[in-house]
């Protein structure tokens, strides 16, 4: 990893500069680093990150985790990245969906679709360390960390970036992967729409008496969805969406009080909840850029769309974006096109617009539907879950979104 120091020149030239070294930025940097021009030369990539990465192994019981859909894992494998992440991942072989206090429920299993797993769960800290090691070993990625970006100046031939250190970077293509409060997005005045769900997510790593053994759970409670994802060492990653005041009350409980309330909401499918790690809480709101492009600039990851965590769509939607952007730039290089030019970015957005809009609509609709106790909605959603359990063909839309594959979708096994 490179840090800003006197050996770094006052100005740099880059083909692609990525702002934000989290999962989205790091994955895309590695994928783009493998691309070649027709003459065999690689792109010169600069990766800017504001925060120094964590050093040393993260205490697993307090780790935050994300679920990678099977389609995301397949894309990561195609880009040569998955082998670095796989040792830290836990497979999801079954997803159980239920509505607390009501009979409706359904299951998805990997065997139904002839897959070894529906997805994988990975600790963010472990993924981050693996990706940083890969970046440090990639000659055409220059990572500058920690740095602060102070200005973004778009131009016809390049975007100029100014750092707090007064160093500057001129780049043919700028990729903003700097999160939900993206500096780049704000600097370029790219508009977003926002919706406050009136909920907060409580996140923790928990231990249950029964090993989850590949089982994930999405349980809809009165306050909002509760998800448990299987992790290594028999642990589970909890994401529990609650109205803001209830989330505050849950956060104020001692560990045993928290486990008791969680037990009441989730039930006994994994036996007794025995232990919890550190709890985190953050408010839930939709932030989406309807047109995530600027001059020689594209927004990706949470900078483009920050979703409700229901159904675990956030990073998986972003991974499909990264995959498509990489494909668009690969095609542009082969055709001798300007990788930051409007025609290239417009083709990328034409490819991705439908999926982004559909996924944002789906997660927002599910969040409203399964956080509402109106009798007609309760009856309707339970009927839908019951029908999916009895008629497997009705599960395909749920499975399609859960697996996160680009077409063609894997056929269900009879």
Protein backbone atom coordinates (compact mmCIF):
# COMPACT_ATOMS: atom_id res chain seq x y z
CA UNK A 1 0.00 0.00 0.00
CA UNK A 2 1.25 3.49 -0.82
CA UNK A 3 0.85 6.49 1.47
CA UNK A 4 1.20 10.16 0.65
CA UNK A 5 4.83 11.07 1.33
CA UNK A 6 7.57 13.24 -0.25
CA UNK A 7 8.32 10.55 -2.84
CA UNK A 8 4.88 10.96 -4.42
CA UNK A 9 5.01 13.63 -7.15
CA UNK A 10 2.92 16.81 -6.76
CA UNK A 11 0.79 15.73 -9.74
CA UNK A 12 -0.21 12.33 -11.06
CA UNK A 13 -1.70 11.13 -14.33
CA UNK A 14 -4.14 8.21 -14.27
CA UNK A 15 -6.44 6.36 -16.61
CA UNK A 16 -8.92 5.64 -13.82
CA UNK A 17 -9.09 7.17 -10.35
CA UNK A 18 -11.36 5.60 -7.77
CA UNK A 19 -12.40 7.56 -4.69
CA UNK A 20 -13.17 5.18 -1.83
CA UNK A 21 -11.26 2.04 -0.93
CA UNK A 22 -14.08 0.02 0.64
CA UNK A 23 -15.51 -3.16 -0.86
CA UNK A 24 -16.81 -1.52 -4.05
CA UNK A 25 -13.73 0.59 -4.73
CA UNK A 26 -11.24 -2.16 -3.95
CA UNK A 27 -13.05 -4.81 -6.01
CA UNK A 28 -13.41 -2.52 -9.01
CA UNK A 29 -9.77 -1.41 -8.81
CA UNK A 30 -8.61 -5.04 -8.94
CA UNK A 31 -11.01 -5.92 -11.77
CA UNK A 32 -9.92 -2.92 -13.87
CA UNK A 33 -6.25 -3.60 -13.18
CA UNK A 34 -6.58 -6.84 -15.13
CA UNK A 35 -7.82 -5.09 -18.30
CA UNK A 36 -5.43 -4.54 -21.20
CA UNK A 37 -5.33 -2.25 -24.21
CA UNK A 38 -4.91 -3.86 -27.64
CA UNK A 39 -1.12 -3.40 -27.32
CA UNK A 40 -1.12 -5.32 -24.04
CA UNK A 41 -0.47 -2.39 -21.71
CA UNK A 42 -2.57 -2.11 -18.53
CA UNK A 43 -4.57 0.82 -17.24
CA UNK A 44 -2.88 3.03 -14.68
CA UNK A 45 -5.18 3.17 -11.67
CA UNK A 46 -5.13 5.43 -8.62
CA UNK A 47 -7.20 4.50 -5.56
CA UNK A 48 -7.89 7.20 -2.94
CA UNK A 49 -9.03 6.29 0.56
CA UNK A 50 -9.64 8.68 3.43
CA UNK A 51 -9.30 6.22 6.34
CA UNK A 52 -6.34 4.03 7.18
CA UNK A 53 -7.42 0.34 7.15
CA UNK A 54 -7.67 -1.69 10.33
CA UNK A 55 -4.45 -3.41 11.28
CA UNK A 56 -4.37 -7.04 12.39
CA UNK A 57 -7.21 -9.54 12.61
CA UNK A 58 -10.61 -8.27 13.69
CA UNK A 59 -12.15 -9.91 16.76
CA UNK A 60 -14.57 -12.22 14.95
CA UNK A 61 -17.37 -11.94 17.48
CA UNK A 62 -17.67 -8.20 16.91
CA UNK A 63 -17.24 -8.30 13.13
CA UNK A 64 -19.76 -6.90 10.68
CA UNK A 65 -20.60 -9.11 7.71
CA UNK A 66 -22.33 -8.94 4.34
CA UNK A 67 -24.05 -11.57 2.23
CA UNK A 68 -22.66 -12.09 -1.25
CA UNK A 69 -25.23 -13.58 -3.63
CA UNK A 70 -24.19 -16.54 -5.78
CA UNK A 71 -24.12 -14.21 -8.78
CA UNK A 72 -21.74 -11.85 -6.99
CA UNK A 73 -19.43 -14.73 -6.10
CA UNK A 74 -19.48 -15.88 -9.73
CA UNK A 75 -18.56 -12.38 -10.91
CA UNK A 76 -15.77 -12.12 -8.33
CA UNK A 77 -14.44 -15.48 -9.54
CA UNK A 78 -14.43 -14.32 -13.18
CA UNK A 79 -12.34 -11.33 -12.14
CA UNK A 80 -9.89 -13.52 -10.23
CA UNK A 81 -10.82 -12.02 -6.85
CA UNK A 82 -12.92 -14.75 -5.23
CA UNK A 83 -9.99 -17.07 -4.35
CA UNK A 84 -8.71 -14.36 -1.99
CA UNK A 85 -12.09 -14.01 -0.27
CA UNK A 86 -13.23 -17.64 -0.21
CA UNK A 87 -11.21 -18.71 2.86
CA UNK A 88 -13.08 -16.11 4.93
CA UNK A 89 -16.58 -16.92 3.67
CA UNK A 90 -19.40 -19.12 4.96
CA UNK A 91 -21.90 -20.64 2.49
CA UNK A 92 -25.64 -20.05 2.59
CA UNK A 93 -27.28 -23.30 1.56
CA UNK A 94 -30.83 -22.51 2.68
CA UNK A 95 -32.88 -19.35 3.23
CA UNK A 96 -35.96 -19.53 5.43
CA UNK A 97 -38.48 -16.69 5.03
CA UNK A 98 -41.27 -16.28 7.59
CA UNK A 99 -43.68 -13.74 9.08
CA UNK A 100 -43.70 -13.62 12.88
CA UNK A 101 -47.06 -14.53 14.38
CA UNK A 102 -48.45 -15.79 11.08
CA UNK A 103 -48.28 -19.15 9.28
CA UNK A 104 -46.86 -17.97 5.96
CA UNK A 105 -43.33 -19.16 5.25
CA UNK A 106 -41.16 -20.48 2.44
CA UNK A 107 -37.67 -21.82 1.84
CA UNK A 108 -35.05 -21.51 -0.85
CA UNK A 109 -32.37 -24.18 -1.06
CA UNK A 110 -29.19 -24.31 -3.12
CA UNK A 111 -30.05 -27.84 -4.24
CA UNK A 112 -33.22 -26.57 -5.96
CA UNK A 113 -31.04 -24.62 -8.39
CA UNK A 114 -28.16 -27.08 -8.69
CA UNK A 115 -25.80 -24.72 -6.87
CA UNK A 116 -23.33 -25.44 -4.07
CA UNK A 117 -24.59 -22.33 -2.25
CA UNK A 118 -27.15 -19.55 -2.65
CA UNK A 119 -24.50 -17.12 -1.53
CA UNK A 120 -21.67 -16.56 0.92
CA UNK A 121 -21.33 -14.51 4.10
CA UNK A 122 -18.05 -12.72 4.70
CA UNK A 123 -16.79 -10.47 7.47
CA UNK A 124 -16.05 -7.01 6.14
CA UNK A 125 -12.80 -6.75 8.07
CA UNK A 126 -11.49 -10.05 6.65
CA UNK A 127 -12.59 -9.09 3.14
CA UNK A 128 -10.93 -5.70 3.50
CA UNK A 129 -7.60 -7.15 4.56
CA UNK A 130 -7.64 -9.69 1.70
CA UNK A 131 -8.44 -6.99 -0.86
CA UNK A 132 -5.78 -4.63 0.50
CA UNK A 133 -3.17 -7.38 0.22
CA UNK A 134 -4.18 -7.98 -3.39
CA UNK A 135 -4.00 -4.26 -4.19
CA UNK A 136 -0.54 -3.97 -2.63
CA UNK A 137 0.63 -6.78 -4.96
CA UNK A 138 -0.82 -5.19 -8.12
CA UNK A 139 1.76 -3.04 -9.87
CA UNK A 140 -0.62 -0.81 -11.83
CA UNK A 141 -2.73 0.24 -8.81
CA UNK A 142 -1.38 3.14 -6.78
CA UNK A 143 -3.28 3.41 -3.50
CA UNK A 144 -2.99 6.68 -1.59
CA UNK A 145 -4.20 6.42 2.00
CA UNK A 146 -5.08 8.30 4.10
CA UNK A 147 -5.85 11.26 1.84
CA UNK A 148 -8.54 13.92 1.75
CA UNK A 149 -10.08 15.05 -1.52
CA UNK A 150 -10.88 18.77 -1.53
CA UNK A 151 -11.90 19.59 -5.11
CA UNK A 152 -13.22 17.88 -8.24
CA UNK A 153 -12.76 19.84 -11.47
CA UNK A 154 -14.31 18.17 -14.53
CA UNK A 155 -12.89 18.97 -17.95
CA UNK A 156 -13.34 17.95 -21.54
CA UNK A 157 -10.27 15.68 -21.64
CA UNK A 158 -9.85 14.78 -17.95
CA UNK A 159 -11.11 15.31 -14.42
CA UNK A 160 -8.67 17.11 -12.13
CA UNK A 161 -8.67 16.21 -8.44
CA UNK A 162 -7.09 18.30 -5.71
CA UNK A 163 -6.02 16.75 -2.39
CA UNK A 164 -5.67 18.48 0.96
CA UNK A 165 -1.90 17.96 0.58
CA UNK A 166 -2.09 20.25 -2.51
CA UNK A 167 -1.17 17.34 -4.74
CA UNK A 168 -3.30 16.92 -7.86
CA UNK A 169 -4.43 14.01 -10.02
CA UNK A 170 -5.57 14.22 -13.62
CA UNK A 171 -7.69 11.25 -14.64
CA UNK A 172 -9.49 10.16 -17.79
CA UNK A 173 -12.24 8.49 -15.76
CA UNK A 174 -13.34 9.19 -12.20
CA UNK A 175 -15.24 6.54 -10.24
CA UNK A 176 -16.94 7.63 -7.03
CA UNK A 177 -17.13 4.75 -4.56
CA UNK A 178 -17.06 6.98 -1.51
CA UNK A 179 -20.28 5.93 0.18
CA UNK A 180 -23.72 7.30 0.91
CA UNK A 181 -22.40 10.77 1.73
CA UNK A 182 -20.22 10.86 -1.40
CA UNK A 183 -18.00 13.94 -1.63
CA UNK A 184 -17.67 13.44 -5.38
CA UNK A 185 -21.43 13.29 -5.86
CA UNK A 186 -21.92 16.47 -3.87
CA UNK A 187 -19.03 18.28 -5.57
CA UNK A 188 -20.50 17.55 -9.01
CA UNK A 189 -24.02 18.35 -7.80
CA UNK A 190 -25.42 15.03 -9.01
CA UNK A 191 -28.98 14.97 -7.63
CA UNK A 192 -30.33 12.14 -5.49
CA UNK A 193 -33.73 11.22 -4.17
CA UNK A 194 -34.06 10.33 -0.52
CA UNK A 195 -36.64 8.52 1.54
CA UNK A 196 -36.47 8.08 5.30
CA UNK A 197 -37.86 4.66 6.27
CA UNK A 198 -38.34 5.75 9.88
CA UNK A 199 -36.33 2.71 10.92
CA UNK A 200 -32.86 1.94 12.20
CA UNK A 201 -30.83 -1.23 11.74
CA UNK A 202 -29.36 -2.93 14.78
CA UNK A 203 -26.35 -5.00 13.79
CA UNK A 204 -24.50 -7.56 15.89
CA UNK A 205 -22.78 -10.93 15.76
CA UNK A 206 -24.66 -13.49 17.87
CA UNK A 207 -24.12 -17.04 19.07
CA UNK A 208 -26.98 -19.55 19.18
CA UNK A 209 -27.20 -22.94 20.85
CA UNK A 210 -27.65 -24.58 17.46
CA UNK A 211 -25.09 -24.10 14.70
CA UNK A 212 -26.80 -22.33 11.76
CA UNK A 213 -24.93 -24.74 9.43
CA UNK A 214 -25.53 -22.74 6.27
CA UNK A 215 -29.06 -21.62 7.14
CA UNK A 216 -30.01 -17.97 6.70
CA UNK A 217 -33.25 -16.47 7.98
CA UNK A 218 -35.34 -13.50 6.91
CA UNK A 219 -38.08 -13.03 9.49
CA UNK A 220 -40.61 -10.25 9.18
CA UNK A 221 -41.59 -8.80 12.54
CA UNK A 222 -44.02 -6.08 13.54
CA UNK A 223 -41.30 -3.43 13.50
CA UNK A 224 -39.42 -4.59 10.41
CA UNK A 225 -37.36 -7.42 8.92
CA UNK A 226 -34.90 -9.42 11.02
CA UNK A 227 -32.14 -11.26 9.15
CA UNK A 228 -29.68 -13.85 10.49
CA UNK A 229 -26.79 -14.89 8.25
CA UNK A 230 -24.54 -17.92 8.95
CA UNK A 231 -20.91 -17.14 9.73
CA UNK A 232 -17.85 -19.19 10.52
CA UNK A 233 -17.39 -20.76 13.98
CA UNK A 234 -21.14 -21.29 14.38
CA UNK A 235 -21.88 -17.58 14.66
CA UNK A 236 -24.61 -15.56 12.93
CA UNK A 237 -24.67 -11.99 11.67
CA UNK A 238 -27.81 -10.13 12.77
CA UNK A 239 -29.44 -7.23 10.92
CA UNK A 240 -32.62 -6.19 12.75
CA UNK A 241 -34.68 -3.30 11.37
CA UNK A 242 -36.83 -1.48 13.93
CA UNK A 243 -38.65 1.84 14.26
CA UNK A 244 -36.17 4.46 15.44
CA UNK A 245 -37.44 4.70 19.03
CA UNK A 246 -37.57 0.91 19.42
CA UNK A 247 -34.04 0.59 18.06
CA UNK A 248 -32.84 3.10 20.65
CA UNK A 249 -34.55 1.10 23.39
CA UNK A 250 -32.99 -2.15 22.16
CA UNK A 251 -29.55 -0.54 22.06
CA UNK A 252 -30.00 0.63 25.66
CA UNK A 253 -30.60 -2.92 26.97
CA UNK A 254 -27.85 -4.91 28.62
CA UNK A 255 -26.68 -8.00 26.72
CA UNK A 256 -29.09 -10.40 28.39
CA UNK A 257 -32.04 -8.08 27.92
CA UNK A 258 -31.11 -7.69 24.27
CA UNK A 259 -30.85 -11.47 23.77
CA UNK A 260 -34.21 -12.00 25.46
CA UNK A 261 -35.93 -9.49 23.19
CA UNK A 262 -34.21 -10.95 20.13
CA UNK A 263 -35.36 -14.42 21.17
CA UNK A 264 -38.94 -13.22 21.37
CA UNK A 265 -38.76 -11.65 17.90
CA UNK A 266 -36.92 -14.48 16.14
CA UNK A 267 -38.18 -17.59 17.91
CA UNK A 268 -36.38 -20.87 18.56
CA UNK A 269 -35.34 -22.16 15.13
CA UNK A 270 -31.70 -22.02 16.25
CA UNK A 271 -32.35 -22.72 19.90
CA UNK A 272 -31.45 -20.20 22.59
CA UNK A 273 -29.47 -17.06 21.85
CA UNK A 274 -26.40 -17.40 24.05
CA UNK A 275 -24.20 -14.39 23.40
CA UNK A 276 -23.96 -11.13 21.51
CA UNK A 277 -21.03 -9.07 20.32
CA UNK A 278 -20.88 -5.29 20.15
CA UNK A 279 -24.09 -3.79 18.79
CA UNK A 280 -24.12 -1.09 16.12
CA UNK A 281 -27.10 0.99 15.03
CA UNK A 282 -27.67 3.26 12.04
CA UNK A 283 -30.73 4.97 10.56
CA UNK A 284 -32.23 3.53 7.38
CA UNK A 285 -32.94 5.72 4.39
CA UNK A 286 -32.99 5.32 0.63
CA UNK A 287 -30.49 7.47 -1.25
CA UNK A 288 -30.49 6.93 -5.01
CA UNK A 289 -29.04 8.85 -7.94
CA UNK A 290 -31.50 8.46 -10.82
CA UNK A 291 -28.68 9.34 -13.24
CA UNK A 292 -25.37 8.33 -11.60
CA UNK A 293 -23.15 9.90 -14.28
CA UNK A 294 -21.25 13.17 -14.49
CA UNK A 295 -18.64 14.45 -16.90
CA UNK A 296 -16.11 11.60 -17.13
CA UNK A 297 -17.54 10.36 -13.83
CA UNK A 298 -19.63 7.42 -12.67
CA UNK A 299 -21.04 6.71 -9.22
CA UNK A 300 -20.94 3.13 -7.91
CA UNK A 301 -21.82 1.31 -4.70
CA UNK A 302 -23.48 3.31 -1.94
CA UNK A 303 -22.56 6.55 -3.70
CA UNK A 304 -25.05 5.55 -6.42
CA UNK A 305 -27.68 3.77 -4.32
CA UNK A 306 -27.96 3.20 -0.58
CA UNK A 307 -30.78 0.70 0.00
CA UNK A 308 -32.81 -0.74 2.84
CA UNK A 309 -31.01 -3.92 4.01
CA UNK A 310 -34.08 -6.12 3.44
CA UNK A 311 -33.17 -9.13 1.27
CA UNK A 312 -29.48 -8.12 1.36
CA UNK A 313 -29.51 -6.37 -2.02
CA UNK A 314 -27.12 -3.45 -1.43
CA UNK A 315 -23.66 -4.74 -2.31
CA UNK A 316 -25.05 -7.33 -4.70
CA UNK A 317 -26.72 -4.66 -6.82
CA UNK A 318 -23.44 -2.75 -6.64
CA UNK A 319 -21.48 -5.82 -7.73
CA UNK A 320 -23.62 -6.12 -10.84
CA UNK A 321 -22.84 -2.47 -11.54
CA UNK A 322 -19.10 -3.05 -11.11
CA UNK A 323 -19.21 -6.09 -13.37
CA UNK A 324 -21.06 -4.18 -16.09
CA UNK A 325 -18.75 -1.15 -15.82
CA UNK A 326 -15.72 -3.38 -16.16
CA UNK A 327 -17.28 -5.01 -19.25
CA UNK A 328 -18.07 -1.60 -20.76
CA UNK A 329 -14.49 -0.40 -20.28
CA UNK A 330 -13.09 -3.67 -21.64
CA UNK A 331 -15.16 -3.22 -24.79
CA UNK A 332 -14.12 0.43 -25.06
CA UNK A 333 -10.43 -0.48 -24.82
CA UNK A 334 -10.80 -3.13 -27.52
CA UNK A 335 -12.51 -0.59 -29.81
CA UNK A 336 -9.97 2.16 -29.09
CA UNK A 337 -12.61 4.36 -27.48
CA UNK A 338 -12.08 6.99 -24.77
CA UNK A 339 -12.90 5.13 -21.54
CA UNK A 340 -14.16 8.30 -19.88
CA UNK A 341 -16.17 9.50 -22.85
CA UNK A 342 -19.91 9.98 -22.76
CA UNK A 343 -20.72 7.19 -25.28
CA UNK A 344 -18.98 4.58 -23.09
CA UNK A 345 -20.60 5.71 -19.85
CA UNK A 346 -24.00 6.10 -21.51
CA UNK A 347 -23.86 2.49 -22.76
CA UNK A 348 -22.98 1.35 -19.26
CA UNK A 349 -25.97 3.18 -17.79
CA UNK A 350 -28.30 1.90 -20.50
CA UNK A 351 -27.26 -1.61 -19.46
CA UNK A 352 -27.74 -1.01 -15.74
CA UNK A 353 -30.69 1.37 -15.44
CA UNK A 354 -33.43 -1.27 -15.49
CA UNK A 355 -31.87 -3.49 -12.83
CA UNK A 356 -31.11 -0.56 -10.56
CA UNK A 357 -34.63 0.84 -10.78
CA UNK A 358 -36.23 -2.59 -10.26
CA UNK A 359 -34.07 -3.44 -7.25
CA UNK A 360 -34.64 -0.07 -5.59
CA UNK A 361 -38.40 -0.45 -6.12
CA UNK A 362 -38.37 -4.02 -4.79
CA UNK A 363 -36.46 -3.27 -1.59
CA UNK A 364 -38.55 -0.18 -0.84
CA UNK A 365 -41.78 -2.06 -1.49
CA UNK A 366 -40.78 -5.02 0.67
CA UNK A 367 -39.70 -2.68 3.48
CA UNK A 368 -43.14 -1.02 3.46
CA UNK A 369 -45.10 -4.26 2.99
CA UNK A 370 -43.41 -6.20 5.78
CA UNK A 371 -43.32 -3.35 8.28
CA UNK A 372 -47.09 -2.84 8.24
CA UNK A 373 -49.70 -4.56 10.41
CA UNK A 374 -52.76 -3.58 8.38
CA UNK A 375 -54.90 -6.72 8.13
CA UNK A 376 -55.23 -6.83 4.31
CA UNK A 377 -51.46 -6.49 3.86
CA UNK A 378 -50.75 -9.16 6.49
CA UNK A 379 -53.20 -11.54 4.81
CA UNK A 380 -51.79 -10.83 1.37
CA UNK A 381 -48.14 -11.34 2.23
CA UNK A 382 -48.88 -14.54 4.17
CA UNK A 383 -50.87 -15.90 1.25
CA UNK A 384 -47.93 -15.09 -1.04
CA UNK A 385 -45.47 -16.91 1.23
CA UNK A 386 -47.79 -19.92 1.52
CA UNK A 387 -48.27 -20.11 -2.25
CA UNK A 388 -44.52 -19.91 -2.85
CA UNK A 389 -44.06 -22.83 -0.47
CA UNK A 390 -46.66 -24.93 -2.36
CA UNK A 391 -45.93 -23.77 -5.93
CA UNK A 392 -42.16 -23.58 -6.47
CA UNK A 393 -42.57 -21.74 -9.79
CA UNK A 394 -43.85 -18.73 -7.82
CA UNK A 395 -40.54 -18.54 -5.96
CA UNK A 396 -38.57 -17.70 -9.10
CA UNK A 397 -38.79 -13.88 -8.76
CA UNK A 398 -37.58 -14.16 -5.16
CA UNK A 399 -34.86 -16.61 -6.14
CA UNK A 400 -33.78 -14.50 -9.11
CA UNK A 401 -33.23 -11.48 -6.89
CA UNK A 402 -31.65 -13.52 -4.10
CA UNK A 403 -29.15 -15.28 -6.37
CA UNK A 404 -28.22 -12.05 -8.15
CA UNK A 405 -27.16 -13.61 -11.45
CA UNK A 406 -27.05 -11.72 -14.69
CA UNK A 407 -29.14 -13.60 -17.30
CA UNK A 408 -29.42 -16.49 -17.96
CA UNK A 409 -30.93 -17.48 -14.62
CA UNK A 410 -30.09 -21.03 -13.44
CA UNK A 411 -33.04 -23.37 -13.92
CA UNK A 412 -34.71 -24.92 -10.93
CA UNK A 413 -33.96 -28.66 -10.48
CA UNK A 414 -37.04 -30.87 -10.32
